[in-house]
N, C-alpha and C. Protein backbone atom coordinates (compact mmCIF):
# COMPACT_ATOMS: atom_id res chain seq x y z
N MET A 1 246.58 300.31 192.12
CA MET A 1 245.34 299.60 192.34
C MET A 1 245.67 298.12 192.53
N VAL A 2 244.99 297.51 193.48
CA VAL A 2 245.14 296.07 193.68
C VAL A 2 243.78 295.43 193.45
N ASP A 3 243.79 294.23 192.91
CA ASP A 3 242.57 293.52 192.56
C ASP A 3 241.97 292.82 193.78
N THR A 4 240.73 292.41 193.62
CA THR A 4 240.02 291.69 194.67
C THR A 4 240.79 290.48 195.15
N ASN A 5 241.39 289.71 194.24
CA ASN A 5 242.08 288.48 194.66
C ASN A 5 243.28 288.78 195.53
N VAL A 6 243.91 289.92 195.35
CA VAL A 6 245.04 290.32 196.20
C VAL A 6 244.53 290.66 197.59
N ILE A 7 243.43 291.39 197.66
CA ILE A 7 242.84 291.76 198.95
C ILE A 7 242.39 290.53 199.72
N ILE A 8 241.69 289.63 199.05
CA ILE A 8 241.21 288.41 199.71
C ILE A 8 242.38 287.57 200.19
N SER A 9 243.39 287.41 199.36
CA SER A 9 244.58 286.64 199.76
C SER A 9 245.28 287.29 200.95
N ALA A 10 245.29 288.61 200.98
CA ALA A 10 245.93 289.33 202.08
C ALA A 10 245.21 289.07 203.40
N ILE A 11 243.88 289.04 203.38
CA ILE A 11 243.16 288.80 204.65
C ILE A 11 243.18 287.34 205.07
N LEU A 12 243.37 286.45 204.10
CA LEU A 12 243.41 285.02 204.43
C LEU A 12 244.75 284.60 205.00
N ASN A 13 245.82 285.25 204.55
CA ASN A 13 247.17 284.82 204.95
C ASN A 13 248.02 286.03 205.31
N GLU A 14 247.98 286.41 206.57
CA GLU A 14 248.81 287.52 207.04
C GLU A 14 250.28 287.17 206.81
N GLY A 15 251.02 288.11 206.25
CA GLY A 15 252.43 287.89 205.96
C GLY A 15 252.68 287.26 204.60
N SER A 16 251.60 286.94 203.87
CA SER A 16 251.75 286.36 202.54
C SER A 16 252.24 287.42 201.56
N LEU A 17 252.63 286.98 200.39
CA LEU A 17 253.09 287.90 199.35
C LEU A 17 252.02 288.95 199.03
N PRO A 18 250.75 288.58 198.81
CA PRO A 18 249.74 289.61 198.56
C PRO A 18 249.59 290.59 199.74
N ASP A 19 249.70 290.09 200.96
CA ASP A 19 249.64 290.96 202.14
C ASP A 19 250.81 291.93 202.15
N MET A 20 252.00 291.45 201.85
CA MET A 20 253.18 292.32 201.81
C MET A 20 253.04 293.38 200.71
N VAL A 21 252.53 292.97 199.55
CA VAL A 21 252.35 293.92 198.45
C VAL A 21 251.33 294.98 198.83
N LEU A 22 250.21 294.56 199.39
CA LEU A 22 249.18 295.52 199.80
C LEU A 22 249.74 296.52 200.81
N ASN A 23 250.47 296.02 201.79
CA ASN A 23 251.08 296.91 202.79
C ASN A 23 252.09 297.85 202.16
N GLU A 24 252.90 297.35 201.24
CA GLU A 24 253.91 298.19 200.60
C GLU A 24 253.26 299.28 199.76
N VAL A 25 252.22 298.92 199.05
CA VAL A 25 251.51 299.92 198.24
C VAL A 25 250.94 301.00 199.15
N CYS A 26 250.32 300.61 200.25
CA CYS A 26 249.72 301.58 201.17
C CYS A 26 250.75 302.48 201.83
N GLU A 27 251.89 301.93 202.15
CA GLU A 27 252.93 302.70 202.83
C GLU A 27 253.70 303.62 201.91
N ASN A 28 253.86 303.25 200.64
CA ASN A 28 254.76 304.00 199.76
C ASN A 28 254.13 304.59 198.52
N HIS A 29 252.85 304.35 198.32
CA HIS A 29 252.18 304.84 197.12
C HIS A 29 250.76 305.26 197.48
N GLU A 30 250.08 305.83 196.53
CA GLU A 30 248.68 306.17 196.73
C GLU A 30 247.84 305.00 196.22
N LEU A 31 247.14 304.36 197.14
CA LEU A 31 246.27 303.25 196.76
C LEU A 31 244.95 303.81 196.27
N ILE A 32 244.54 303.35 195.11
CA ILE A 32 243.24 303.72 194.55
C ILE A 32 242.46 302.42 194.36
N LEU A 33 241.23 302.41 194.85
CA LEU A 33 240.34 301.27 194.69
C LEU A 33 239.05 301.75 194.07
N CYS A 34 238.47 300.93 193.23
CA CYS A 34 237.16 301.29 192.69
C CYS A 34 236.08 300.63 193.54
N ASP A 35 234.90 301.21 193.49
CA ASP A 35 233.79 300.68 194.27
C ASP A 35 233.49 299.22 193.94
N TYR A 36 233.75 298.83 192.70
CA TYR A 36 233.49 297.44 192.29
C TYR A 36 234.41 296.46 193.03
N ILE A 37 235.67 296.84 193.24
CA ILE A 37 236.61 295.97 193.97
C ILE A 37 236.15 295.80 195.41
N ILE A 38 235.69 296.89 196.04
CA ILE A 38 235.20 296.81 197.42
C ILE A 38 234.00 295.87 197.48
N SER A 39 233.05 296.08 196.58
CA SER A 39 231.84 295.26 196.55
C SER A 39 232.16 293.79 196.28
N GLU A 40 233.02 293.56 195.30
CA GLU A 40 233.39 292.19 194.95
C GLU A 40 234.14 291.51 196.10
N SER A 41 234.97 292.25 196.81
CA SER A 41 235.69 291.69 197.96
C SER A 41 234.71 291.19 199.02
N TYR A 42 233.69 292.00 199.30
CA TYR A 42 232.68 291.57 200.27
C TYR A 42 231.86 290.39 199.76
N ASP A 43 231.52 290.39 198.48
CA ASP A 43 230.77 289.26 197.92
C ASP A 43 231.56 287.96 198.06
N VAL A 44 232.84 288.00 197.72
CA VAL A 44 233.69 286.80 197.81
C VAL A 44 233.84 286.37 199.26
N ALA A 45 234.10 287.33 200.15
CA ALA A 45 234.29 286.98 201.56
C ALA A 45 233.01 286.37 202.15
N LYS A 46 231.87 286.98 201.87
CA LYS A 46 230.61 286.46 202.42
C LYS A 46 230.30 285.06 201.90
N LYS A 47 230.58 284.84 200.63
CA LYS A 47 230.26 283.55 200.01
C LYS A 47 231.25 282.45 200.38
N ARG A 48 232.55 282.77 200.32
CA ARG A 48 233.56 281.72 200.49
C ARG A 48 234.27 281.72 201.84
N PHE A 49 234.33 282.89 202.49
CA PHE A 49 235.08 283.01 203.75
C PHE A 49 234.30 283.86 204.75
N PRO A 50 233.09 283.42 205.15
CA PRO A 50 232.25 284.27 206.00
C PRO A 50 232.90 284.67 207.32
N MET A 51 233.80 283.88 207.82
CA MET A 51 234.48 284.21 209.07
C MET A 51 235.49 285.35 208.89
N LYS A 52 235.78 285.72 207.65
CA LYS A 52 236.76 286.77 207.37
C LYS A 52 236.12 288.13 207.04
N VAL A 53 234.79 288.20 207.05
CA VAL A 53 234.13 289.47 206.72
C VAL A 53 234.54 290.56 207.70
N GLN A 54 234.64 290.24 208.99
CA GLN A 54 235.06 291.25 209.97
C GLN A 54 236.51 291.67 209.75
N VAL A 55 237.35 290.75 209.32
CA VAL A 55 238.74 291.09 209.01
C VAL A 55 238.76 292.06 207.82
N LEU A 56 237.92 291.81 206.85
CA LEU A 56 237.81 292.69 205.69
C LEU A 56 237.32 294.07 206.12
N ASP A 57 236.32 294.12 207.01
CA ASP A 57 235.85 295.40 207.55
C ASP A 57 237.00 296.18 208.18
N LYS A 58 237.78 295.51 208.99
CA LYS A 58 238.91 296.16 209.67
C LYS A 58 239.96 296.63 208.67
N LEU A 59 240.22 295.79 207.66
CA LEU A 59 241.21 296.16 206.65
C LEU A 59 240.79 297.45 205.93
N PHE A 60 239.55 297.50 205.44
CA PHE A 60 239.10 298.68 204.72
C PHE A 60 239.03 299.91 205.63
N ALA A 61 238.75 299.68 206.91
CA ALA A 61 238.71 300.81 207.85
C ALA A 61 240.10 301.39 208.10
N LYS A 62 241.12 300.56 208.08
CA LYS A 62 242.47 301.05 208.37
C LYS A 62 243.23 301.49 207.12
N LEU A 63 242.84 300.98 205.95
CA LEU A 63 243.54 301.34 204.72
C LEU A 63 243.28 302.80 204.36
N SER A 64 244.31 303.42 203.86
CA SER A 64 244.16 304.76 203.31
C SER A 64 244.12 304.60 201.79
N PHE A 65 242.98 304.94 201.19
CA PHE A 65 242.85 304.78 199.75
C PHE A 65 241.86 305.79 199.20
N GLU A 66 242.01 306.05 197.91
CA GLU A 66 241.04 306.88 197.20
C GLU A 66 240.04 305.94 196.55
N LEU A 67 238.77 306.23 196.74
CA LEU A 67 237.71 305.41 196.17
C LEU A 67 237.19 306.08 194.91
N VAL A 68 237.17 305.33 193.81
CA VAL A 68 236.68 305.86 192.54
C VAL A 68 235.56 304.96 192.02
N PRO A 69 234.65 305.52 191.25
CA PRO A 69 233.58 304.70 190.69
C PRO A 69 234.07 303.89 189.49
N ALA A 70 233.43 302.77 189.28
CA ALA A 70 233.78 301.90 188.15
C ALA A 70 232.65 301.95 187.12
N SER A 71 233.01 302.33 185.93
CA SER A 71 232.05 302.42 184.84
C SER A 71 231.83 301.05 184.20
N ARG A 72 230.64 300.79 183.75
CA ARG A 72 230.34 299.52 183.07
C ARG A 72 230.80 299.52 181.62
N GLN A 73 230.98 300.70 181.04
CA GLN A 73 231.37 300.82 179.64
C GLN A 73 232.81 301.30 179.54
N GLY A 74 233.57 300.70 178.62
CA GLY A 74 234.95 301.11 178.44
C GLY A 74 235.40 300.93 177.01
N GLU A 75 236.52 301.54 176.69
CA GLU A 75 237.06 301.46 175.33
C GLU A 75 237.67 300.10 175.03
N ILE A 76 238.38 299.53 176.00
CA ILE A 76 239.06 298.25 175.80
C ILE A 76 238.20 297.16 176.43
N GLN A 77 237.82 296.19 175.64
CA GLN A 77 236.98 295.10 176.13
C GLN A 77 237.84 293.91 176.51
N MET A 78 237.41 293.21 177.55
CA MET A 78 238.14 292.02 177.97
C MET A 78 237.21 290.82 177.99
N GLY A 79 237.81 289.64 178.06
CA GLY A 79 237.06 288.40 177.98
C GLY A 79 236.11 288.16 179.13
N ASP A 80 236.47 288.55 180.34
CA ASP A 80 235.64 288.32 181.52
C ASP A 80 234.85 289.59 181.80
N ILE A 81 233.59 289.60 181.40
CA ILE A 81 232.81 290.84 181.50
C ILE A 81 232.59 291.30 182.94
N LYS A 82 232.64 290.38 183.91
CA LYS A 82 232.45 290.82 185.29
C LYS A 82 233.66 291.61 185.81
N ASP A 83 234.80 291.48 185.16
CA ASP A 83 235.98 292.26 185.54
C ASP A 83 236.09 293.57 184.75
N GLN A 84 235.22 293.75 183.78
CA GLN A 84 235.27 294.93 182.92
C GLN A 84 235.23 296.25 183.70
N PRO A 85 234.36 296.39 184.73
CA PRO A 85 234.34 297.66 185.47
C PRO A 85 235.68 298.00 186.13
N ILE A 86 236.41 296.99 186.57
CA ILE A 86 237.71 297.23 187.20
C ILE A 86 238.69 297.77 186.17
N LEU A 87 238.74 297.15 185.01
CA LEU A 87 239.62 297.63 183.95
C LEU A 87 239.23 299.05 183.54
N ASN A 88 237.93 299.30 183.41
CA ASN A 88 237.48 300.63 183.04
C ASN A 88 237.95 301.69 184.04
N ALA A 89 237.82 301.38 185.33
CA ALA A 89 238.25 302.33 186.37
C ALA A 89 239.76 302.55 186.30
N ALA A 90 240.51 301.48 186.11
CA ALA A 90 241.97 301.59 186.05
C ALA A 90 242.41 302.49 184.90
N ILE A 91 241.74 302.35 183.77
CA ILE A 91 242.08 303.17 182.60
C ILE A 91 241.59 304.61 182.79
N GLU A 92 240.35 304.76 183.21
CA GLU A 92 239.76 306.09 183.35
C GLU A 92 240.50 306.96 184.37
N TYR A 93 240.99 306.36 185.45
CA TYR A 93 241.66 307.12 186.49
C TYR A 93 243.19 307.05 186.38
N ASN A 94 243.66 306.65 185.21
CA ASN A 94 245.10 306.66 184.91
C ASN A 94 245.94 305.95 185.96
N ILE A 95 245.51 304.76 186.32
CA ILE A 95 246.26 303.96 187.29
C ILE A 95 247.59 303.57 186.65
N ASP A 96 248.68 303.75 187.39
CA ASP A 96 250.00 303.39 186.87
C ASP A 96 250.21 301.88 186.86
N VAL A 97 249.89 301.24 188.00
CA VAL A 97 250.14 299.81 188.16
C VAL A 97 248.91 299.15 188.76
N PHE A 98 248.54 298.02 188.19
CA PHE A 98 247.42 297.23 188.69
C PHE A 98 247.96 295.86 189.05
N VAL A 99 247.82 295.47 190.32
CA VAL A 99 248.35 294.20 190.81
C VAL A 99 247.20 293.20 190.92
N THR A 100 247.36 292.06 190.25
CA THR A 100 246.32 291.05 190.20
C THR A 100 246.90 289.67 189.99
N GLY A 101 246.12 288.67 190.34
CA GLY A 101 246.47 287.29 190.02
C GLY A 101 245.53 286.73 188.97
N ASP A 102 244.63 287.56 188.47
CA ASP A 102 243.60 287.13 187.53
C ASP A 102 244.16 287.06 186.11
N LYS A 103 244.09 285.87 185.54
CA LYS A 103 244.67 285.66 184.20
C LYS A 103 244.01 286.51 183.14
N HIS A 104 242.73 286.86 183.31
CA HIS A 104 242.05 287.69 182.31
C HIS A 104 242.69 289.07 182.20
N PHE A 105 243.15 289.59 183.31
CA PHE A 105 243.86 290.87 183.28
C PHE A 105 245.29 290.68 182.76
N LEU A 106 245.93 289.62 183.23
CA LEU A 106 247.33 289.38 182.88
C LEU A 106 247.51 289.09 181.39
N GLU A 107 246.47 288.61 180.73
CA GLU A 107 246.54 288.31 179.30
C GLU A 107 246.33 289.54 178.42
N LEU A 108 245.88 290.64 179.02
CA LEU A 108 245.64 291.85 178.23
C LEU A 108 246.95 292.42 177.70
N ASP A 109 246.90 292.91 176.51
CA ASP A 109 248.07 293.55 175.90
C ASP A 109 247.78 295.04 175.79
N ILE A 110 247.96 295.73 176.92
CA ILE A 110 247.71 297.17 176.94
C ILE A 110 248.92 297.89 177.51
N GLU A 111 249.04 299.15 177.13
CA GLU A 111 250.18 299.94 177.58
C GLU A 111 250.01 300.42 179.02
N ALA A 112 248.82 300.86 179.36
CA ALA A 112 248.57 301.37 180.70
C ALA A 112 247.17 300.96 181.13
N PRO A 113 247.03 300.54 182.35
CA PRO A 113 248.07 300.47 183.37
C PRO A 113 248.98 299.27 183.16
N GLN A 114 250.12 299.32 183.83
CA GLN A 114 250.99 298.16 183.83
C GLN A 114 250.33 297.12 184.73
N ILE A 115 250.11 295.94 184.21
CA ILE A 115 249.43 294.89 184.96
C ILE A 115 250.45 293.84 185.35
N CYS A 116 250.48 293.52 186.66
CA CYS A 116 251.46 292.54 187.12
C CYS A 116 250.91 291.72 188.28
N THR A 117 251.52 290.59 188.50
CA THR A 117 251.18 289.73 189.64
C THR A 117 251.85 290.30 190.90
N PRO A 118 251.44 289.85 192.08
CA PRO A 118 252.13 290.29 193.29
C PRO A 118 253.63 289.99 193.25
N SER A 119 253.99 288.84 192.71
CA SER A 119 255.40 288.47 192.61
C SER A 119 256.15 289.42 191.68
N GLU A 120 255.56 289.73 190.54
CA GLU A 120 256.19 290.67 189.60
C GLU A 120 256.31 292.05 190.22
N TYR A 121 255.28 292.45 190.97
CA TYR A 121 255.32 293.75 191.64
C TYR A 121 256.52 293.80 192.59
N MET A 122 256.68 292.76 193.38
CA MET A 122 257.80 292.71 194.33
C MET A 122 259.13 292.84 193.59
N ASN A 123 259.28 292.11 192.51
CA ASN A 123 260.52 292.14 191.74
C ASN A 123 260.77 293.48 191.06
N LEU A 124 259.71 294.12 190.60
CA LEU A 124 259.86 295.36 189.84
C LEU A 124 259.94 296.61 190.70
N PHE A 125 259.19 296.65 191.80
CA PHE A 125 259.00 297.92 192.49
C PHE A 125 259.50 298.00 193.92
N ILE A 126 259.79 296.89 194.53
CA ILE A 126 260.23 296.96 195.93
C ILE A 126 261.74 296.91 195.97
N ARG A 127 262.28 297.94 196.55
CA ARG A 127 263.75 298.02 196.62
C ARG A 127 264.28 296.90 197.50
N LYS A 128 265.29 296.30 197.00
CA LYS A 128 265.94 295.24 197.76
C LYS A 128 267.26 295.79 198.31
N GLU A 129 267.60 295.32 199.47
CA GLU A 129 268.88 295.72 200.06
C GLU A 129 269.99 295.11 199.23
N PRO A 130 271.03 295.88 198.97
CA PRO A 130 272.14 295.31 198.21
C PRO A 130 272.79 294.15 198.99
N SER A 131 273.15 293.15 198.26
CA SER A 131 273.80 292.00 198.88
C SER A 131 275.23 292.39 199.25
N PRO A 132 275.66 291.94 200.43
CA PRO A 132 277.04 292.25 200.80
C PRO A 132 278.01 291.50 199.87
N CYS A 133 279.11 292.14 199.59
CA CYS A 133 280.14 291.50 198.73
C CYS A 133 281.09 290.71 199.60
N PHE A 134 281.25 289.50 199.24
CA PHE A 134 282.20 288.67 199.94
C PHE A 134 283.35 288.36 199.00
N PRO A 135 284.58 288.62 199.45
CA PRO A 135 285.73 288.33 198.56
C PRO A 135 285.88 286.86 198.30
């Protein structure tokens, strides 16, 4: 699962780290998004980046993802209540990894899902080509 801020950053800056992470997740893993992330992505785009709403439309049309509902109630509570439905969906649907830049998620001390930034995701999960050995 990737958070709204990763999606918005991906549409704002093609080739950026969030864009690369989103593409890598889609190509090599099963992307799961909750309805709240889709809705929040459109709210942010319409409010802050209205010229990017069509880009967001195209992105969601081309992405292959499973859409799950986000519950308002959850076992683990977080400080930012507007992000609570996203956390609830991630836990309820047994998401392995959640990629976000949101400090409220990053400050959580939970076992699952594993929460990481796009940079941490790249370091942890994307295979790097071995460096050639030079004598």
